[in-house]
Amino acid sequence: MDQKDNKHPVKFEVIGDWAPQMAYLKNQFPALTEKDLEYLPGREFELIGSIRSRLNKSFDEVKELIRLAEIEVR
């Protein structure tokens, strides 16, 4: 993990129902697997790490993708 990615906020939560957000992300990024998108409350950073690894994106980029999914599925 590079230095700038160590500066993520202490708190990050997935908001809303994860199932439609997961479907949205899978549709937008077919490379993502069910395993990459496995989410358990309180383990958000593991979810972000899996997505980061698969898509080669930064912590902040993945947070924005998740926030966009939350908005799109409302």
C-alpha atoms as a PDB file:
ATOM      1  CA  MET A   1       0.000   0.000   0.000  1.00  0.00           C
ATOM      2  CA  ASP A   2       1.457   3.365  -0.899  1.00  0.00           C
ATOM      3  CA  GLN A   3       1.862   6.144   1.640  1.00  0.00           C
ATOM      4  CA  LYS A   4      -1.042   8.318   0.474  1.00  0.00           C
ATOM      5  CA  ASP A   5      -3.438   5.394   0.881  1.00  0.00           C
ATOM      6  CA  ASN A   6      -2.534   5.162   4.576  1.00  0.00           C
ATOM      7  CA  LYS A   7      -4.293   8.489   5.125  1.00  0.00           C
ATOM      8  CA  HIS A   8      -7.847   7.134   4.809  1.00  0.00           C
ATOM      9  CA  PRO A   9     -10.403   8.210   7.386  1.00  0.00           C
ATOM     10  CA  VAL A  10     -10.884   5.990  10.402  1.00  0.00           C
ATOM     11  CA  LYS A  11     -14.628   5.622   9.742  1.00  0.00           C
ATOM     12  CA  PHE A  12     -16.242   4.458   6.502  1.00  0.00           C
ATOM     13  CA  GLU A  13     -19.626   2.785   6.263  1.00  0.00           C
ATOM     14  CA  VAL A  14     -21.594   1.252   3.456  1.00  0.00           C
ATOM     15  CA  ILE A  15     -24.965   2.993   3.487  1.00  0.00           C
ATOM     16  CA  GLY A  16     -28.160   1.239   2.462  1.00  0.00           C
ATOM     17  CA  ASP A  17     -28.804  -2.233   1.108  1.00  0.00           C
ATOM     18  CA  TRP A  18     -25.556  -3.712  -0.192  1.00  0.00           C
ATOM     19  CA  ALA A  19     -27.130  -6.201  -2.647  1.00  0.00           C
ATOM     20  CA  PRO A  20     -28.245  -3.652  -5.286  1.00  0.00           C
ATOM     21  CA  GLN A  21     -25.014  -1.695  -4.855  1.00  0.00           C
ATOM     22  CA  MET A  22     -23.030  -4.876  -5.416  1.00  0.00           C
ATOM     23  CA  ALA A  23     -25.055  -5.625  -8.568  1.00  0.00           C
ATOM     24  CA  TYR A  24     -24.429  -2.089  -9.829  1.00  0.00           C
ATOM     25  CA  LEU A  25     -20.669  -2.389  -9.252  1.00  0.00           C
ATOM     26  CA  LYS A  26     -20.544  -5.815 -10.932  1.00  0.00           C
ATOM     27  CA  ASN A  27     -22.358  -4.365 -13.928  1.00  0.00           C
ATOM     28  CA  GLN A  28     -20.000  -1.388 -14.132  1.00  0.00           C
ATOM     29  CA  PHE A  29     -16.851  -3.444 -13.474  1.00  0.00           C
ATOM     30  CA  PRO A  30     -17.258  -7.013 -14.798  1.00  0.00           C
ATOM     31  CA  ALA A  31     -13.783  -7.925 -13.494  1.00  0.00           C
ATOM     32  CA  LEU A  32     -15.159  -7.805  -9.927  1.00  0.00           C
ATOM     33  CA  THR A  33     -16.062 -11.188  -8.470  1.00  0.00           C
ATOM     34  CA  GLU A  34     -18.558 -12.194  -5.786  1.00  0.00           C
ATOM     35  CA  LYS A  35     -15.583 -12.680  -3.460  1.00  0.00           C
ATOM     36  CA  ASP A  36     -14.289  -9.160  -4.199  1.00  0.00           C
ATOM     37  CA  LEU A  37     -17.689  -7.740  -3.292  1.00  0.00           C
ATOM     38  CA  GLU A  38     -18.284  -9.808  -0.173  1.00  0.00           C
ATOM     39  CA  TYR A  39     -19.307  -7.403   2.566  1.00  0.00           C
ATOM     40  CA  LEU A  40     -19.862  -7.824   6.273  1.00  0.00           C
ATOM     41  CA  PRO A  41     -20.818  -4.845   8.453  1.00  0.00           C
ATOM     42  CA  GLY A  42     -17.797  -3.544  10.317  1.00  0.00           C
ATOM     43  CA  ARG A  43     -15.396  -4.952   7.701  1.00  0.00           C
ATOM     44  CA  GLU A  44     -15.660  -2.152   5.168  1.00  0.00           C
ATOM     45  CA  PHE A  45     -11.902  -1.815   4.802  1.00  0.00           C
ATOM     46  CA  GLU A  46     -11.627  -5.442   3.684  1.00  0.00           C
ATOM     47  CA  LEU A  47     -14.249  -4.753   1.018  1.00  0.00           C
ATOM     48  CA  ILE A  48     -12.388  -1.658  -0.152  1.00  0.00           C
ATOM     49  CA  GLY A  49      -9.103  -3.584  -0.181  1.00  0.00           C
ATOM     50  CA  SER A  50     -10.559  -6.332  -2.360  1.00  0.00           C
ATOM     51  CA  ILE A  51     -11.995  -3.862  -4.850  1.00  0.00           C
ATOM     52  CA  ARG A  52      -8.755  -1.830  -4.859  1.00  0.00           C
ATOM     53  CA  SER A  53      -6.730  -4.899  -5.601  1.00  0.00           C
ATOM     54  CA  ARG A  54      -8.971  -6.108  -8.428  1.00  0.00           C
ATOM     55  CA  LEU A  55      -9.401  -2.703 -10.118  1.00  0.00           C
ATOM     56  CA  ASN A  56      -5.982  -1.235  -9.285  1.00  0.00           C
ATOM     57  CA  LYS A  57      -7.563   1.904  -7.835  1.00  0.00           C
ATOM     58  CA  SER A  58      -6.744   4.030  -4.807  1.00  0.00           C
ATOM     59  CA  PHE A  59      -8.615   3.918  -1.517  1.00  0.00           C
ATOM     60  CA  ASP A  60     -10.343   7.219  -2.278  1.00  0.00           C
ATOM     61  CA  GLU A  61     -11.300   6.114  -5.798  1.00  0.00           C
ATOM     62  CA  VAL A  62     -12.955   2.982  -4.429  1.00  0.00           C
ATOM     63  CA  LYS A  63     -14.806   4.985  -1.766  1.00  0.00           C
ATOM     64  CA  GLU A  64     -16.169   7.203  -4.532  1.00  0.00           C
ATOM     65  CA  LEU A  65     -17.244   4.164  -6.572  1.00  0.00           C
ATOM     66  CA  ILE A  66     -19.152   2.837  -3.561  1.00  0.00           C
ATOM     67  CA  ARG A  67     -20.762   6.242  -2.916  1.00  0.00           C
ATOM     68  CA  LEU A  68     -21.782   6.441  -6.590  1.00  0.00           C
ATOM     69  CA  ALA A  69     -23.337   2.968  -6.346  1.00  0.00           C
ATOM     70  CA  GLU A  70     -25.292   4.102  -3.265  1.00  0.00           C
ATOM     71  CA  ILE A  71     -26.667   7.084  -5.200  1.00  0.00           C
ATOM     72  CA  GLU A  72     -27.427   5.144  -8.382  1.00  0.00           C
ATOM     73  CA  VAL A  73     -29.489   2.440  -6.688  1.00  0.00           C
ATOM     74  CA  ARG A  74     -31.658   4.755  -4.562  1.00  0.00           C
END
